[in-house]
Amino acid sequence: MRVGVPSEVKNHEYRVGMIPAAAHALVGTGHEVLIQAGAGNGSGIEDSEYSDAGARIVPEAGDVWSAAEMIVKVKEPIEPEFDHLRQGQTLFTYLHLAPLPELTQLLLDREVTGIAYETITDRHGTLPLLSPMSEVAGRMAVLMGGNFLERRHGGRGILLTGVPGVQPGDVVIIGGGIVGLNAAKVALGLGARVTILETSGERMRYLDNLFHGAVTTLASNHHNLHAALARADVLVGAVLIPGRSAPKLVTRDMLSLMKKGSVVVDVAVDQGGCFETTRPTTHSDPIYEVDGIVHYCVANMPGAVPRTSTYALNNATYRYAQALADKGVVEAVKADPGLAEGVNTYRGHITCKPVAESQDRPHKPLAELL
């Protein structure tokens, strides 16, 4: 199979879809790998490293998209890339289609096979390709929140760590999954007071045992959420329902419960966000203010630390890319039901039920199309 890796074009997105080791493995099993010139520069990977691994460097994005049977990316295509999408192509990347009806329609019209990292599951039912970036984003969320608490950004002027004689800041995390757990690790490490709101009693017990009681866990309900909002200096939205738009757990009216200059960080922004006031921002223009509350809603947070993120992501994606190249899409998904869960669009149909339901569109089970 001819596999192509174009440069990412989203604002300040410096990650790359494939590292040289993965390219070397694909080439070693008889596949051809095309890398757009400079695609790895943002992650500190030189073109020469790819060519030494056996990949072929091509000058322009169009050369990659037009020649490759499978495109391996990091982020979903955006408007400058739309014209490159073509019938019969396989797109292997983070798609986050639920809040993106225009891209979804384009994938359907062009009959692109869209395989989304974020909906692939493993034998335990977890999300192995979402986990690495959730770990990065969770850890970044508290660091970004602490940064934008500085008065020069409109924040309250609080140092999350506190100092002797002055209380530390309060970090409230909605959701105790991978993002929430990693946010809590960093917040605790900084010395902040940490509260996690979670719906699962089992998960709350796990978090309590993991952190030896240093984190306060609360059942996620309106009463507890309202009380936590009043305390929060940094509020982290860490709620994910695979494939679906994130639920709006914090309304605009509820912002009035928060202290002016508090910071909200919505890690769920890729799925539409879990705050009513969320709108996607970029690394070059990361924050805005609503009713005195600073919002940080960057849709590709891990792109700010591309070296770490690229290698962490490739550790997870490589074996799936290899399987797709070795067997082709049909045989690969037949052999791996978890990979089949990643197929969001196929032959002009939405095959991921949560995406279809989020957009009120018809759903066609993948098994009926193979």
Protein backbone atom coordinates (compact mmCIF):
# COMPACT_ATOMS: atom_id res chain seq x y z
CA MET A 1 0.00 0.00 0.00
CA ARG A 2 1.10 3.57 -0.64
CA VAL A 3 0.82 5.49 2.65
CA GLY A 4 1.02 9.28 2.74
CA VAL A 5 1.83 11.67 5.57
CA PRO A 6 1.13 15.36 4.81
CA SER A 7 2.12 18.29 6.99
CA GLU A 8 -0.53 19.40 9.47
CA VAL A 9 -2.08 22.76 8.62
CA LYS A 10 -4.19 23.55 11.69
CA ASN A 11 -3.14 26.65 13.63
CA HIS A 12 0.13 25.95 15.49
CA GLU A 13 -0.20 22.20 14.96
CA TYR A 14 3.34 20.87 15.00
CA ARG A 15 2.68 17.16 15.42
CA VAL A 16 3.15 14.73 12.55
CA GLY A 17 1.23 11.54 11.78
CA MET A 18 4.19 9.18 11.55
CA ILE A 19 7.67 8.93 13.05
CA PRO A 20 10.66 7.47 11.18
CA ALA A 21 10.53 4.17 13.08
CA ALA A 22 6.96 3.56 11.88
CA ALA A 23 7.89 4.51 8.33
CA HIS A 24 10.83 2.10 8.47
CA ALA A 25 8.58 -0.73 9.63
CA LEU A 26 6.05 -0.11 6.85
CA VAL A 27 8.73 0.09 4.19
CA GLY A 28 10.29 -3.06 5.57
CA THR A 29 7.06 -4.97 4.98
CA GLY A 30 6.78 -3.87 1.36
CA HIS A 31 4.79 -0.65 1.58
CA GLU A 32 5.67 2.75 0.16
CA VAL A 33 5.65 5.75 2.49
CA LEU A 34 5.41 9.31 1.17
CA ILE A 35 6.27 12.16 3.55
CA GLN A 36 5.64 15.79 2.68
CA ALA A 37 8.86 17.77 2.90
CA GLY A 38 9.14 19.39 6.31
CA ALA A 39 6.20 17.48 7.82
CA GLY A 40 8.22 16.45 10.85
CA ASN A 41 10.08 19.71 11.43
CA GLY A 42 7.71 20.93 14.13
CA SER A 43 8.35 17.75 16.11
CA GLY A 44 12.08 17.97 15.64
CA ILE A 45 12.21 15.26 12.96
CA GLU A 46 14.29 16.04 9.89
CA ASP A 47 13.45 14.91 6.36
CA SER A 48 16.75 13.01 6.32
CA GLU A 49 15.53 10.82 9.18
CA TYR A 50 12.55 9.76 7.09
CA SER A 51 14.60 9.16 3.96
CA ASP A 52 17.11 7.13 6.00
CA ALA A 53 14.14 5.05 7.15
CA GLY A 54 13.22 4.33 3.52
CA ALA A 55 10.42 6.87 3.05
CA ARG A 56 10.21 9.09 0.00
CA ILE A 57 10.13 12.85 0.53
CA VAL A 58 7.75 14.71 -1.78
CA PRO A 59 7.58 18.51 -2.04
CA GLU A 60 3.91 19.42 -1.75
CA ALA A 61 0.83 18.30 0.17
CA GLY A 62 -1.02 17.69 -3.09
CA ASP A 63 1.65 15.19 -4.13
CA VAL A 64 0.99 13.19 -0.97
CA TRP A 65 -2.80 13.32 -1.08
CA SER A 66 -3.08 12.48 -4.77
CA ALA A 67 -0.72 9.50 -4.69
CA ALA A 68 -1.50 7.83 -1.37
CA GLU A 69 -4.16 5.17 -0.84
CA MET A 70 -4.12 5.82 2.91
CA ILE A 71 -3.46 9.20 4.51
CA VAL A 72 -2.13 9.16 8.07
CA LYS A 73 -2.61 12.44 9.92
CA VAL A 74 -3.01 13.84 13.40
CA LYS A 75 -5.96 16.24 13.06
CA GLU A 76 -9.11 16.20 10.97
CA PRO A 77 -8.91 17.87 7.55
CA ILE A 78 -9.77 21.54 7.52
CA GLU A 79 -10.97 23.67 4.62
CA PRO A 80 -7.62 24.09 2.80
CA GLU A 81 -7.40 20.29 2.63
CA PHE A 82 -10.97 19.56 1.53
CA ASP A 83 -10.17 19.51 -2.17
CA HIS A 84 -7.60 16.76 -1.60
CA LEU A 85 -10.19 14.26 -0.37
CA ARG A 86 -11.12 11.74 -3.06
CA GLN A 87 -13.16 8.62 -3.62
CA GLY A 88 -11.72 5.36 -2.34
CA GLN A 89 -9.19 7.04 -0.07
CA THR A 90 -8.65 5.91 3.51
CA LEU A 91 -8.14 8.67 6.08
CA PHE A 92 -6.61 7.57 9.40
CA THR A 93 -6.58 10.40 11.94
CA TYR A 94 -8.44 12.08 14.78
CA LEU A 95 -11.76 13.02 13.17
CA HIS A 96 -14.07 14.18 16.00
CA LEU A 97 -16.94 14.32 13.50
CA ALA A 98 -19.85 14.79 15.91
CA PRO A 99 -19.67 18.62 15.87
CA LEU A 100 -18.47 18.80 12.24
CA PRO A 101 -21.40 18.17 9.88
CA GLU A 102 -19.67 19.88 6.93
CA LEU A 103 -16.66 17.58 7.07
CA THR A 104 -18.91 14.59 7.63
CA GLN A 105 -20.93 15.42 4.52
CA LEU A 106 -17.75 15.82 2.49
CA LEU A 107 -16.46 12.41 3.57
CA LEU A 108 -19.81 10.91 2.60
CA ASP A 109 -19.97 12.68 -0.76
CA ARG A 110 -16.40 11.67 -1.65
CA GLU A 111 -16.91 8.13 -0.27
CA VAL A 112 -13.80 8.43 1.89
CA THR A 113 -13.21 5.71 4.46
CA GLY A 114 -12.76 7.77 7.61
CA ILE A 115 -11.13 5.87 10.47
CA ALA A 116 -11.07 7.92 13.66
CA TYR A 117 -8.41 7.37 16.28
CA GLU A 118 -10.79 8.45 19.01
CA THR A 119 -13.38 5.70 18.51
CA ILE A 120 -11.06 2.69 18.14
CA THR A 121 -11.37 0.38 21.13
CA ASP A 122 -9.23 -2.41 22.54
CA ARG A 123 -10.25 -5.74 24.06
CA HIS A 124 -10.92 -4.01 27.38
CA GLY A 125 -13.30 -1.53 25.78
CA THR A 126 -10.95 1.40 26.38
CA LEU A 127 -9.75 3.94 23.80
CA PRO A 128 -6.06 3.21 23.16
CA LEU A 129 -5.49 5.92 20.56
CA LEU A 130 -7.24 8.63 22.53
CA SER A 131 -5.44 7.83 25.78
CA PRO A 132 -1.98 9.25 24.93
CA MET A 133 -3.33 12.64 23.91
CA SER A 134 -5.76 12.64 26.82
CA GLU A 135 -2.78 12.18 29.12
CA VAL A 136 -0.99 15.12 27.50
CA ALA A 137 -4.08 17.35 27.43
CA GLY A 138 -4.98 16.54 31.02
CA ARG A 139 -1.54 17.49 32.26
CA MET A 140 -1.48 20.62 30.12
CA ALA A 141 -4.94 21.71 31.27
CA VAL A 142 -3.81 22.62 34.77
CA LEU A 143 -0.61 24.26 33.54
CA MET A 144 -2.60 26.39 31.09
CA GLY A 145 -5.19 27.18 33.72
CA GLY A 146 -2.50 28.29 36.15
CA ASN A 147 -0.86 30.45 33.49
CA PHE A 148 -4.06 32.25 32.56
CA LEU A 149 -4.89 32.88 36.21
CA GLU A 150 -2.22 35.56 36.00
CA ARG A 151 -3.68 39.02 36.21
CA ARG A 152 -2.15 40.12 32.89
CA HIS A 153 -4.43 37.60 31.16
CA GLY A 154 -7.54 38.72 33.04
CA GLY A 155 -7.23 36.05 35.71
CA ARG A 156 -7.65 36.39 39.47
CA GLY A 157 -3.93 36.78 40.05
CA ILE A 158 -3.62 33.53 41.98
CA LEU A 159 -0.63 31.21 42.16
CA LEU A 160 -2.05 27.69 42.26
CA THR A 161 0.80 26.46 44.44
CA GLY A 162 0.20 29.03 47.13
CA VAL A 163 3.12 30.15 49.31
CA PRO A 164 3.77 29.81 53.04
CA GLY A 165 1.01 31.66 54.82
CA VAL A 166 -1.23 31.87 51.72
CA GLN A 167 -3.69 29.20 50.64
CA PRO A 168 -3.15 27.38 47.34
CA GLY A 169 -5.68 27.59 44.53
CA ASP A 170 -8.64 25.31 43.95
CA VAL A 171 -8.76 23.09 40.86
CA VAL A 172 -12.11 21.49 40.05
CA ILE A 173 -12.18 18.73 37.44
CA ILE A 174 -15.41 17.51 35.87
CA GLY A 175 -14.81 13.90 34.88
CA GLY A 176 -12.49 11.32 36.40
CA GLY A 177 -11.31 9.56 33.24
CA ILE A 178 -7.83 9.74 31.73
CA VAL A 179 -7.93 13.52 31.24
CA GLY A 180 -9.24 14.10 34.75
CA LEU A 181 -6.77 11.73 36.36
CA ASN A 182 -3.81 13.37 34.64
CA ALA A 183 -5.07 16.86 35.44
CA ALA A 184 -5.33 15.82 39.07
CA LYS A 185 -1.75 14.49 39.07
CA VAL A 186 -0.36 17.83 37.93
CA ALA A 187 -2.62 19.90 40.17
CA LEU A 188 -1.63 17.86 43.20
CA GLY A 189 2.02 18.08 42.22
CA LEU A 190 1.73 21.85 42.17
CA GLY A 191 0.16 21.83 45.62
CA ALA A 192 -3.35 22.90 44.61
CA ARG A 193 -6.49 21.67 46.31
CA VAL A 194 -8.21 19.27 43.93
CA THR A 195 -11.82 18.17 43.54
CA ILE A 196 -12.99 15.65 40.93
CA LEU A 197 -16.68 15.30 40.06
CA GLU A 198 -17.51 11.86 38.66
CA THR A 199 -20.66 9.84 37.97
CA SER A 200 -19.19 6.38 38.59
CA GLY A 201 -18.91 5.21 42.16
CA GLU A 202 -16.35 2.61 41.13
CA ARG A 203 -14.20 5.25 39.48
CA MET A 204 -14.42 7.50 42.54
CA ARG A 205 -13.20 4.65 44.74
CA TYR A 206 -10.34 4.01 42.31
CA LEU A 207 -9.29 7.67 42.33
CA ASP A 208 -9.55 7.89 46.10
CA ASN A 209 -7.30 4.84 46.48
CA LEU A 210 -4.88 6.06 43.82
CA PHE A 211 -4.39 9.46 45.42
CA HIS A 212 -4.62 8.16 49.01
CA GLY A 213 -7.40 10.59 49.82
CA ALA A 214 -5.45 13.67 48.71
CA VAL A 215 -8.12 14.41 46.08
CA THR A 216 -11.73 15.11 47.03
CA THR A 217 -14.10 13.01 44.91
CA LEU A 218 -17.74 14.02 44.65
CA ALA A 219 -20.72 12.51 42.90
CA SER A 220 -21.41 14.63 39.84
CA ASN A 221 -24.84 16.17 40.40
CA HIS A 222 -26.24 19.68 40.23
CA HIS A 223 -25.84 20.37 43.94
CA ASN A 224 -22.21 19.31 44.11
CA LEU A 225 -21.36 20.96 40.80
CA HIS A 226 -22.82 24.30 41.91
CA ALA A 227 -20.85 24.18 45.16
CA ALA A 228 -17.64 23.24 43.34
CA LEU A 229 -18.03 26.06 40.81
CA ALA A 230 -18.15 28.57 43.64
CA ARG A 231 -14.79 27.29 44.92
CA ALA A 232 -12.96 26.82 41.62
CA ASP A 233 -10.04 28.97 40.55
CA VAL A 234 -9.44 26.62 37.61
CA LEU A 235 -12.27 24.49 36.22
CA VAL A 236 -11.28 21.65 33.87
CA GLY A 237 -13.90 20.09 31.59
CA ALA A 238 -12.79 16.49 31.12
CA VAL A 239 -15.96 14.73 29.98
CA LEU A 240 -15.98 12.41 26.96
CA ILE A 241 -18.67 10.22 25.43
CA PRO A 242 -16.90 8.39 22.56
CA GLY A 243 -18.04 9.64 19.16
CA ARG A 244 -20.76 11.91 20.56
CA SER A 245 -20.92 15.61 21.19
CA ALA A 246 -19.94 16.39 24.76
CA PRO A 247 -22.82 17.11 27.15
CA LYS A 248 -23.21 20.76 28.18
CA LEU A 249 -22.73 20.45 31.93
CA VAL A 250 -22.01 24.09 32.74
CA THR A 251 -24.47 26.64 31.39
CA ARG A 252 -23.78 30.33 30.94
CA ASP A 253 -26.00 31.14 33.91
CA MET A 254 -23.84 28.89 36.08
CA LEU A 255 -20.78 31.02 35.36
CA SER A 256 -22.27 33.56 37.76
CA LEU A 257 -21.48 31.10 40.56
CA MET A 258 -17.78 31.37 39.83
CA LYS A 259 -15.34 33.98 41.09
CA LYS A 260 -14.47 36.68 38.57
CA GLY A 261 -11.15 35.96 36.92
CA SER A 262 -11.42 32.20 37.34
CA VAL A 263 -10.29 30.12 34.38
CA VAL A 264 -12.17 27.34 32.61
CA VAL A 265 -10.24 24.89 30.44
CA ASP A 266 -12.48 22.78 28.19
CA VAL A 267 -10.51 19.73 27.09
CA ALA A 268 -13.71 18.39 25.48
CA VAL A 269 -13.71 21.21 22.91
CA ASP A 270 -12.91 18.75 20.08
CA GLN A 271 -16.28 17.15 20.74
CA GLY A 272 -18.12 20.46 21.01
CA GLY A 273 -17.19 21.21 24.61
CA CYS A 274 -18.90 20.55 27.93
CA PHE A 275 -19.51 24.24 28.73
CA GLU A 276 -22.31 26.12 27.02
CA THR A 277 -19.96 29.06 26.48
CA THR A 278 -17.24 27.01 24.80
CA ARG A 279 -16.03 27.94 21.33
CA PRO A 280 -12.83 26.58 19.77
CA THR A 281 -9.74 28.74 20.08
CA THR A 282 -6.20 28.42 18.75
CA HIS A 283 -2.71 28.48 20.20
CA SER A 284 -2.16 31.93 18.68
CA ASP A 285 -5.38 33.30 20.22
CA PRO A 286 -6.14 30.87 23.06
CA ILE A 287 -8.49 32.70 25.43
CA TYR A 288 -11.60 34.83 25.60
CA GLU A 289 -13.76 36.10 28.42
CA VAL A 290 -17.43 35.49 29.13
CA ASP A 291 -19.08 37.19 32.10
CA GLY A 292 -15.71 37.75 33.77
CA ILE A 293 -14.57 34.13 33.39
CA VAL A 294 -11.48 33.39 31.28
CA HIS A 295 -12.03 30.56 28.78
CA TYR A 296 -9.18 28.47 27.35
CA CYS A 297 -10.62 26.20 24.65
CA VAL A 298 -7.75 25.31 22.30
CA ALA A 299 -8.88 22.45 20.10
CA ASN A 300 -5.44 20.89 19.62
CA MET A 301 -3.80 21.36 23.00
CA PRO A 302 -1.15 18.62 22.61
CA GLY A 303 0.07 20.34 19.45
CA ALA A 304 1.88 22.81 21.70
CA VAL A 305 4.23 20.04 22.88
CA PRO A 306 4.67 18.21 19.58
CA ARG A 307 7.79 16.19 20.29
CA THR A 308 6.23 14.49 23.29
CA SER A 309 2.82 14.22 21.66
CA THR A 310 3.98 12.84 18.30
CA TYR A 311 5.97 10.02 19.83
CA ALA A 312 3.28 9.20 22.39
CA LEU A 313 0.64 9.10 19.64
CA ASN A 314 2.73 6.96 17.31
CA ASN A 315 3.37 4.45 20.07
CA ALA A 316 -0.38 3.82 19.95
CA THR A 317 -1.25 4.27 16.27
CA TYR A 318 1.56 2.33 14.62
CA ARG A 319 0.18 -1.20 14.92
CA TYR A 320 -3.18 -0.14 13.49
CA ALA A 321 -1.56 1.63 10.54
CA GLN A 322 0.53 -1.49 9.91
CA ALA A 323 -2.56 -3.72 10.00
CA LEU A 324 -4.46 -1.47 7.59
CA ALA A 325 -1.52 -1.40 5.19
CA ASP A 326 -0.85 -5.15 5.39
CA LYS A 327 -4.44 -6.38 5.11
CA GLY A 328 -6.38 -3.50 3.58
CA VAL A 329 -9.30 -1.90 5.35
CA VAL A 330 -11.85 -4.69 4.88
CA GLU A 331 -9.70 -7.55 6.13
CA ALA A 332 -8.14 -5.45 8.88
CA VAL A 333 -11.48 -4.48 10.42
CA LYS A 334 -12.82 -8.01 10.06
CA ALA A 335 -9.83 -9.25 12.01
CA ASP A 336 -10.08 -6.59 14.74
CA PRO A 337 -13.52 -5.54 16.03
CA GLY A 338 -11.91 -2.69 17.96
CA LEU A 339 -10.46 -1.25 14.76
CA ALA A 340 -13.88 -1.63 13.14
CA GLU A 341 -15.25 0.67 15.85
CA GLY A 342 -12.95 3.34 14.46
CA VAL A 343 -14.60 3.37 11.03
CA ASN A 344 -16.84 6.45 11.08
CA THR A 345 -17.60 6.71 7.35
CA TYR A 346 -17.51 4.02 4.65
CA ARG A 347 -18.81 3.96 1.08
CA GLY A 348 -20.92 7.06 1.59
CA HIS A 349 -22.49 6.00 4.89
CA ILE A 350 -22.00 6.98 8.52
CA THR A 351 -20.99 3.77 10.25
CA CYS A 352 -20.42 5.23 13.73
CA LYS A 353 -23.77 5.37 15.51
CA PRO A 354 -22.87 8.14 18.01
CA VAL A 355 -21.78 10.42 15.14
CA ALA A 356 -25.01 9.74 13.26
CA GLU A 357 -27.10 10.41 16.35
CA SER A 358 -25.21 13.62 17.18
CA GLN A 359 -25.96 14.96 13.69
CA ASP A 360 -29.44 13.42 13.35
CA ARG A 361 -28.36 11.48 10.27
CA PRO A 362 -28.94 7.89 9.17
CA HIS A 363 -26.62 5.21 10.48
CA LYS A 364 -25.53 2.11 8.59
CA PRO A 365 -23.73 -0.67 10.51
CA LEU A 366 -20.34 -1.37 9.00
CA ALA A 367 -21.00 -5.11 8.94
CA GLU A 368 -23.80 -4.56 6.43
CA LEU A 369 -21.41 -2.83 4.03
CA LEU A 370 -18.47 -5.21 4.07
